Amino acid sequence: MGGKQKVVLRVPVLDAKSKSRALQTVVRVPGLSSGLSSVSVEGADKNLVVVIGEGIDSVGLTKSLRKKLGDAELVTVAPVEEKKPDDKEKKPDNKEIPPWSYGPGRVIYVLEPFPHPCNPDPCSIL
């Protein structure tokens, strides 16, 4: 298969030691490390090993995990689609500003109460 692919394997991960052993086994598979992008443990029970990369031999990987951990099951092998920037995500640069909003070229008038010369505090009752 050409291009990147995602391989999901179910392994018996009981504790941190077996999780570490599973990840080390995946990384040490001969010929896999050159095209490897990422390896992670996922799933509700943390029993899925997800491997993403180019030129992954999923059958050889499953056999290596079975030798090291005693059990491994190949769940899925699928191509990884590259994310392309959408035109919808880009904001237009020449966005028109509505007349009621603040923006460049708009004058904002602030009206403040003018204090009486005899009484500098406009809120006093006396």
N, C-alpha and C. Protein backbone atom coordinates (compact mmCIF):
# COMPACT_ATOMS: atom_id res chain seq x y z
N MET A 1 0.83 -1.18 0.00
CA MET A 1 0.00 0.00 0.00
C MET A 1 0.87 1.24 0.00
N GLY A 2 0.59 2.20 -0.84
CA GLY A 2 1.36 3.44 -0.86
C GLY A 2 0.69 4.50 0.00
N GLY A 3 1.46 5.41 0.51
CA GLY A 3 0.92 6.46 1.35
C GLY A 3 0.81 6.03 2.80
N LYS A 4 0.32 6.96 3.61
CA LYS A 4 0.19 6.68 5.03
C LYS A 4 -1.01 5.78 5.29
N GLN A 5 -0.86 4.93 6.29
CA GLN A 5 -1.96 4.08 6.69
C GLN A 5 -2.03 3.99 8.21
N LYS A 6 -3.22 3.64 8.68
CA LYS A 6 -3.47 3.52 10.12
C LYS A 6 -3.82 2.07 10.41
N VAL A 7 -3.03 1.46 11.29
CA VAL A 7 -3.24 0.07 11.68
C VAL A 7 -3.65 0.05 13.15
N VAL A 8 -4.78 -0.61 13.44
CA VAL A 8 -5.27 -0.72 14.81
C VAL A 8 -5.20 -2.19 15.22
N LEU A 9 -4.54 -2.45 16.35
CA LEU A 9 -4.37 -3.80 16.87
C LEU A 9 -4.91 -3.87 18.29
N ARG A 10 -5.58 -4.97 18.62
CA ARG A 10 -6.08 -5.19 19.98
C ARG A 10 -5.09 -6.11 20.69
N VAL A 11 -4.57 -5.64 21.83
CA VAL A 11 -3.59 -6.42 22.59
C VAL A 11 -4.05 -6.48 24.05
N PRO A 12 -3.60 -7.50 24.78
CA PRO A 12 -3.96 -7.59 26.20
C PRO A 12 -3.06 -6.67 27.03
N VAL A 13 -3.51 -5.48 27.31
CA VAL A 13 -2.73 -4.53 28.11
C VAL A 13 -3.33 -4.52 29.50
N LEU A 14 -2.61 -5.07 30.46
CA LEU A 14 -3.12 -5.17 31.81
C LEU A 14 -2.55 -4.11 32.73
N ASP A 15 -1.31 -3.75 32.53
CA ASP A 15 -0.67 -2.78 33.41
C ASP A 15 0.32 -1.93 32.60
N ALA A 16 1.02 -1.05 33.28
CA ALA A 16 1.96 -0.15 32.61
C ALA A 16 3.12 -0.92 31.97
N LYS A 17 3.53 -2.01 32.58
CA LYS A 17 4.65 -2.79 32.04
C LYS A 17 4.27 -3.42 30.70
N SER A 18 3.09 -4.01 30.60
CA SER A 18 2.69 -4.62 29.33
C SER A 18 2.40 -3.56 28.27
N LYS A 19 1.93 -2.41 28.69
CA LYS A 19 1.72 -1.30 27.75
C LYS A 19 3.06 -0.85 27.18
N SER A 20 4.05 -0.71 28.04
CA SER A 20 5.38 -0.32 27.60
C SER A 20 5.99 -1.38 26.68
N ARG A 21 5.79 -2.64 27.01
CA ARG A 21 6.31 -3.73 26.20
C ARG A 21 5.67 -3.72 24.81
N ALA A 22 4.36 -3.44 24.74
CA ALA A 22 3.67 -3.39 23.45
C ALA A 22 4.21 -2.27 22.58
N LEU A 23 4.40 -1.08 23.17
CA LEU A 23 4.90 0.06 22.40
C LEU A 23 6.34 -0.18 21.94
N GLN A 24 7.18 -0.75 22.80
CA GLN A 24 8.57 -1.04 22.43
C GLN A 24 8.63 -2.07 21.31
N THR A 25 7.75 -3.05 21.35
CA THR A 25 7.72 -4.08 20.31
C THR A 25 7.37 -3.47 18.96
N VAL A 26 6.39 -2.57 18.95
CA VAL A 26 5.99 -1.92 17.69
C VAL A 26 7.13 -1.10 17.13
N VAL A 27 7.82 -0.36 17.97
CA VAL A 27 8.90 0.51 17.50
C VAL A 27 10.10 -0.31 17.01
N ARG A 28 10.32 -1.47 17.59
CA ARG A 28 11.50 -2.28 17.23
C ARG A 28 11.26 -3.26 16.09
N VAL A 29 10.08 -3.27 15.48
CA VAL A 29 9.84 -4.18 14.35
C VAL A 29 10.77 -3.78 13.21
N PRO A 30 11.53 -4.74 12.64
CA PRO A 30 12.48 -4.41 11.58
C PRO A 30 11.79 -3.80 10.36
N GLY A 31 12.36 -2.72 9.86
CA GLY A 31 11.85 -2.07 8.66
C GLY A 31 10.68 -1.13 8.89
N LEU A 32 10.14 -1.10 10.09
CA LEU A 32 8.97 -0.27 10.35
C LEU A 32 9.35 1.12 10.82
N SER A 33 10.46 1.25 11.53
CA SER A 33 10.81 2.53 12.15
C SER A 33 11.09 3.63 11.14
N SER A 34 11.47 3.29 9.91
CA SER A 34 11.78 4.34 8.93
C SER A 34 10.53 5.07 8.46
N GLY A 35 9.39 4.38 8.39
CA GLY A 35 8.16 5.02 7.92
C GLY A 35 7.16 5.28 9.00
N LEU A 36 7.55 5.13 10.26
CA LEU A 36 6.64 5.26 11.39
C LEU A 36 6.39 6.73 11.73
N SER A 37 5.12 7.11 11.84
CA SER A 37 4.77 8.48 12.22
C SER A 37 4.40 8.57 13.69
N SER A 38 3.51 7.67 14.14
CA SER A 38 3.11 7.70 15.54
C SER A 38 2.63 6.34 16.00
N VAL A 39 2.78 6.10 17.31
CA VAL A 39 2.29 4.89 17.97
C VAL A 39 1.61 5.35 19.25
N SER A 40 0.39 4.88 19.47
CA SER A 40 -0.32 5.28 20.67
C SER A 40 -1.21 4.16 21.17
N VAL A 41 -1.60 4.25 22.44
CA VAL A 41 -2.52 3.30 23.05
C VAL A 41 -3.83 4.03 23.26
N GLU A 42 -4.91 3.47 22.73
CA GLU A 42 -6.21 4.12 22.81
C GLU A 42 -7.27 3.12 23.22
N GLY A 43 -8.51 3.57 23.24
CA GLY A 43 -9.63 2.71 23.56
C GLY A 43 -10.09 2.91 24.99
N ALA A 44 -11.29 2.45 25.27
CA ALA A 44 -11.86 2.59 26.61
C ALA A 44 -11.06 1.79 27.63
N ASP A 45 -10.62 0.61 27.25
CA ASP A 45 -9.84 -0.24 28.16
C ASP A 45 -8.35 -0.09 27.96
N LYS A 46 -7.93 0.85 27.10
CA LYS A 46 -6.52 1.06 26.77
C LYS A 46 -5.89 -0.22 26.22
N ASN A 47 -6.64 -0.91 25.35
CA ASN A 47 -6.14 -2.16 24.80
C ASN A 47 -5.98 -2.10 23.28
N LEU A 48 -6.06 -0.91 22.69
CA LEU A 48 -5.88 -0.75 21.25
C LEU A 48 -4.57 -0.03 20.99
N VAL A 49 -3.71 -0.62 20.18
CA VAL A 49 -2.47 0.02 19.78
C VAL A 49 -2.70 0.56 18.37
N VAL A 50 -2.54 1.88 18.21
CA VAL A 50 -2.75 2.53 16.92
C VAL A 50 -1.40 2.94 16.36
N VAL A 51 -1.10 2.43 15.15
CA VAL A 51 0.17 2.70 14.50
C VAL A 51 -0.12 3.44 13.20
N ILE A 52 0.51 4.60 12.99
CA ILE A 52 0.33 5.39 11.78
C ILE A 52 1.69 5.57 11.13
N GLY A 53 1.73 5.30 9.82
CA GLY A 53 2.99 5.45 9.11
C GLY A 53 2.88 4.95 7.68
N GLU A 54 4.02 4.93 7.00
CA GLU A 54 4.09 4.48 5.62
C GLU A 54 4.77 3.12 5.56
N GLY A 55 4.26 2.25 4.71
CA GLY A 55 4.87 0.94 4.50
C GLY A 55 4.79 0.03 5.70
N ILE A 56 3.68 0.03 6.42
CA ILE A 56 3.53 -0.81 7.60
C ILE A 56 3.10 -2.21 7.17
N ASP A 57 3.84 -3.21 7.61
CA ASP A 57 3.48 -4.61 7.38
C ASP A 57 2.60 -5.04 8.55
N SER A 58 1.29 -4.99 8.35
CA SER A 58 0.37 -5.24 9.46
C SER A 58 0.43 -6.70 9.94
N VAL A 59 0.63 -7.63 9.03
CA VAL A 59 0.71 -9.04 9.42
C VAL A 59 1.99 -9.31 10.22
N GLY A 60 3.12 -8.77 9.76
CA GLY A 60 4.37 -8.92 10.49
C GLY A 60 4.32 -8.26 11.86
N LEU A 61 3.66 -7.13 11.93
CA LEU A 61 3.51 -6.41 13.19
C LEU A 61 2.67 -7.24 14.17
N THR A 62 1.59 -7.83 13.67
CA THR A 62 0.74 -8.67 14.52
C THR A 62 1.50 -9.88 15.03
N LYS A 63 2.29 -10.51 14.17
CA LYS A 63 3.09 -11.67 14.58
C LYS A 63 4.10 -11.29 15.66
N SER A 64 4.74 -10.13 15.50
CA SER A 64 5.73 -9.69 16.50
C SER A 64 5.06 -9.45 17.85
N LEU A 65 3.88 -8.85 17.85
CA LEU A 65 3.17 -8.60 19.11
C LEU A 65 2.72 -9.92 19.74
N ARG A 66 2.34 -10.89 18.93
CA ARG A 66 1.93 -12.19 19.47
C ARG A 66 3.11 -12.90 20.13
N LYS A 67 4.30 -12.76 19.55
CA LYS A 67 5.49 -13.38 20.14
C LYS A 67 5.82 -12.75 21.49
N LYS A 68 5.73 -11.42 21.57
CA LYS A 68 6.13 -10.71 22.78
C LYS A 68 5.07 -10.75 23.87
N LEU A 69 3.78 -10.57 23.49
CA LEU A 69 2.72 -10.43 24.48
C LEU A 69 1.85 -11.68 24.63
N GLY A 70 1.98 -12.61 23.70
CA GLY A 70 1.18 -13.82 23.79
C GLY A 70 -0.11 -13.75 23.00
N ASP A 71 -0.65 -12.56 22.74
CA ASP A 71 -1.90 -12.43 22.01
C ASP A 71 -1.95 -11.05 21.36
N ALA A 72 -2.47 -10.99 20.15
CA ALA A 72 -2.69 -9.74 19.44
C ALA A 72 -3.68 -10.01 18.32
N GLU A 73 -4.55 -9.05 18.08
CA GLU A 73 -5.57 -9.20 17.04
C GLU A 73 -5.57 -7.97 16.15
N LEU A 74 -5.51 -8.17 14.84
CA LEU A 74 -5.56 -7.07 13.90
C LEU A 74 -7.01 -6.62 13.75
N VAL A 75 -7.29 -5.35 14.08
CA VAL A 75 -8.66 -4.84 14.05
C VAL A 75 -8.94 -4.17 12.71
N THR A 76 -8.18 -3.15 12.34
CA THR A 76 -8.41 -2.45 11.08
C THR A 76 -7.09 -2.00 10.46
N VAL A 77 -7.13 -1.88 9.14
CA VAL A 77 -6.06 -1.26 8.37
C VAL A 77 -6.76 -0.31 7.40
N ALA A 78 -6.45 0.98 7.50
CA ALA A 78 -7.12 1.97 6.65
C ALA A 78 -6.13 3.05 6.24
N PRO A 79 -6.33 3.64 5.06
CA PRO A 79 -5.46 4.75 4.66
C PRO A 79 -5.78 6.00 5.47
N VAL A 80 -4.76 6.80 5.70
CA VAL A 80 -4.93 8.06 6.43
C VAL A 80 -5.11 9.17 5.42
N GLU A 81 -6.20 9.91 5.56
CA GLU A 81 -6.45 11.02 4.65
C GLU A 81 -5.76 12.27 5.16
N GLU A 82 -5.03 12.92 4.28
CA GLU A 82 -4.35 14.16 4.64
C GLU A 82 -5.38 15.28 4.75
N LYS A 83 -5.27 16.08 5.78
CA LYS A 83 -6.19 17.21 5.93
C LYS A 83 -5.73 18.35 5.05
N LYS A 84 -6.65 18.84 4.24
CA LYS A 84 -6.36 19.96 3.37
C LYS A 84 -7.08 21.19 3.91
N PRO A 85 -6.44 22.35 3.85
CA PRO A 85 -7.11 23.55 4.35
C PRO A 85 -8.33 23.88 3.50
N ASP A 86 -9.44 24.08 4.15
CA ASP A 86 -10.69 24.40 3.45
C ASP A 86 -10.81 25.90 3.26
N ASP A 87 -11.52 26.29 2.19
CA ASP A 87 -11.77 27.70 1.97
C ASP A 87 -12.77 28.24 2.99
N LYS A 88 -13.57 27.36 3.57
CA LYS A 88 -14.55 27.79 4.56
C LYS A 88 -13.89 28.27 5.83
N GLU A 89 -12.73 27.68 6.18
CA GLU A 89 -12.04 28.05 7.40
C GLU A 89 -11.35 29.41 7.29
N LYS A 90 -11.02 29.83 6.07
CA LYS A 90 -10.36 31.11 5.88
C LYS A 90 -11.39 32.23 6.00
N LYS A 91 -11.02 33.26 6.72
CA LYS A 91 -11.90 34.42 6.85
C LYS A 91 -11.55 35.42 5.76
N PRO A 92 -12.54 36.01 5.14
CA PRO A 92 -12.24 37.00 4.09
C PRO A 92 -11.60 38.24 4.70
N ASP A 93 -10.61 38.79 3.99
CA ASP A 93 -9.89 39.96 4.48
C ASP A 93 -10.69 41.25 4.31
N ASN A 94 -11.51 41.32 3.27
CA ASN A 94 -12.23 42.55 2.99
C ASN A 94 -13.66 42.46 3.51
N LYS A 95 -13.79 42.11 4.76
CA LYS A 95 -15.10 41.98 5.39
C LYS A 95 -15.67 43.38 5.62
N GLU A 96 -16.91 43.55 5.20
CA GLU A 96 -17.54 44.86 5.35
C GLU A 96 -18.00 45.05 6.79
N ILE A 97 -17.72 46.22 7.35
CA ILE A 97 -18.07 46.51 8.73
C ILE A 97 -19.47 47.12 8.76
N PRO A 98 -20.37 46.56 9.56
CA PRO A 98 -21.70 47.16 9.66
C PRO A 98 -21.61 48.53 10.29
N PRO A 99 -22.53 49.43 9.93
CA PRO A 99 -22.44 50.82 10.41
C PRO A 99 -22.59 50.97 11.91
N TRP A 100 -23.19 50.03 12.61
CA TRP A 100 -23.39 50.18 14.05
C TRP A 100 -22.21 49.66 14.87
N SER A 101 -21.22 49.06 14.22
CA SER A 101 -20.10 48.50 14.97
C SER A 101 -18.95 49.49 15.04
N TYR A 102 -18.05 49.22 15.99
CA TYR A 102 -16.86 50.03 16.12
C TYR A 102 -15.83 49.51 15.13
N GLY A 103 -15.16 50.38 14.47
CA GLY A 103 -14.16 49.95 13.52
C GLY A 103 -13.30 51.11 13.09
N PRO A 104 -12.33 50.87 12.21
CA PRO A 104 -11.46 51.95 11.77
C PRO A 104 -12.25 53.00 10.99
N GLY A 105 -11.97 54.23 11.26
CA GLY A 105 -12.64 55.33 10.56
C GLY A 105 -13.94 55.75 11.21
N ARG A 106 -14.34 55.09 12.28
CA ARG A 106 -15.58 55.45 12.98
C ARG A 106 -15.24 56.39 14.13
N VAL A 107 -16.07 57.41 14.33
CA VAL A 107 -15.89 58.35 15.43
C VAL A 107 -16.86 57.96 16.54
N ILE A 108 -16.33 57.83 17.74
CA ILE A 108 -17.15 57.46 18.88
C ILE A 108 -17.26 58.67 19.79
N TYR A 109 -18.49 59.09 20.07
CA TYR A 109 -18.73 60.20 20.97
C TYR A 109 -19.12 59.65 22.33
N VAL A 110 -18.48 60.14 23.37
CA VAL A 110 -18.78 59.73 24.73
C VAL A 110 -19.39 60.94 25.43
N LEU A 111 -20.62 60.78 25.88
CA LEU A 111 -21.31 61.85 26.58
C LEU A 111 -21.14 61.67 28.07
N GLU A 112 -20.57 62.71 28.70
CA GLU A 112 -20.37 62.67 30.14
C GLU A 112 -21.15 63.83 30.74
N PRO A 113 -21.63 63.65 31.95
CA PRO A 113 -22.35 64.77 32.58
C PRO A 113 -21.40 65.94 32.84
N PHE A 114 -21.89 67.11 32.55
CA PHE A 114 -21.09 68.31 32.75
C PHE A 114 -21.33 68.82 34.17
N PRO A 115 -20.28 68.92 35.00
CA PRO A 115 -20.48 69.35 36.39
C PRO A 115 -20.82 70.85 36.47
N HIS A 116 -21.70 71.18 37.36
CA HIS A 116 -22.08 72.58 37.58
C HIS A 116 -20.92 73.27 38.29
N PRO A 117 -20.61 74.53 37.95
CA PRO A 117 -19.44 75.20 38.56
C PRO A 117 -19.56 75.38 40.06
N CYS A 118 -20.75 75.51 40.61
CA CYS A 118 -20.89 75.68 42.05
C CYS A 118 -20.84 74.35 42.79
N ASN A 119 -21.29 73.30 42.12
CA ASN A 119 -21.33 71.99 42.76
C ASN A 119 -20.56 70.99 41.88
N PRO A 120 -19.29 70.66 42.22
CA PRO A 120 -18.51 69.77 41.38
C PRO A 120 -19.00 68.32 41.40
N ASP A 121 -19.73 67.94 42.45
CA ASP A 121 -20.23 66.57 42.52
C ASP A 121 -21.70 66.56 42.09
N PRO A 122 -22.04 66.03 40.90
CA PRO A 122 -23.40 66.09 40.42
C PRO A 122 -24.34 65.16 41.17
N CYS A 123 -23.83 64.29 42.04
CA CYS A 123 -24.67 63.32 42.73
C CYS A 123 -25.02 63.76 44.14
N SER A 124 -24.59 64.88 44.60
CA SER A 124 -24.86 65.27 45.98
C SER A 124 -26.30 65.71 46.14
N ILE A 125 -26.89 65.38 47.27
CA ILE A 125 -28.29 65.72 47.55
C ILE A 125 -28.37 67.05 48.29
N LEU A 126 -27.38 67.41 49.01
CA LEU A 126 -27.40 68.63 49.80
C LEU A 126 -27.32 69.85 48.97
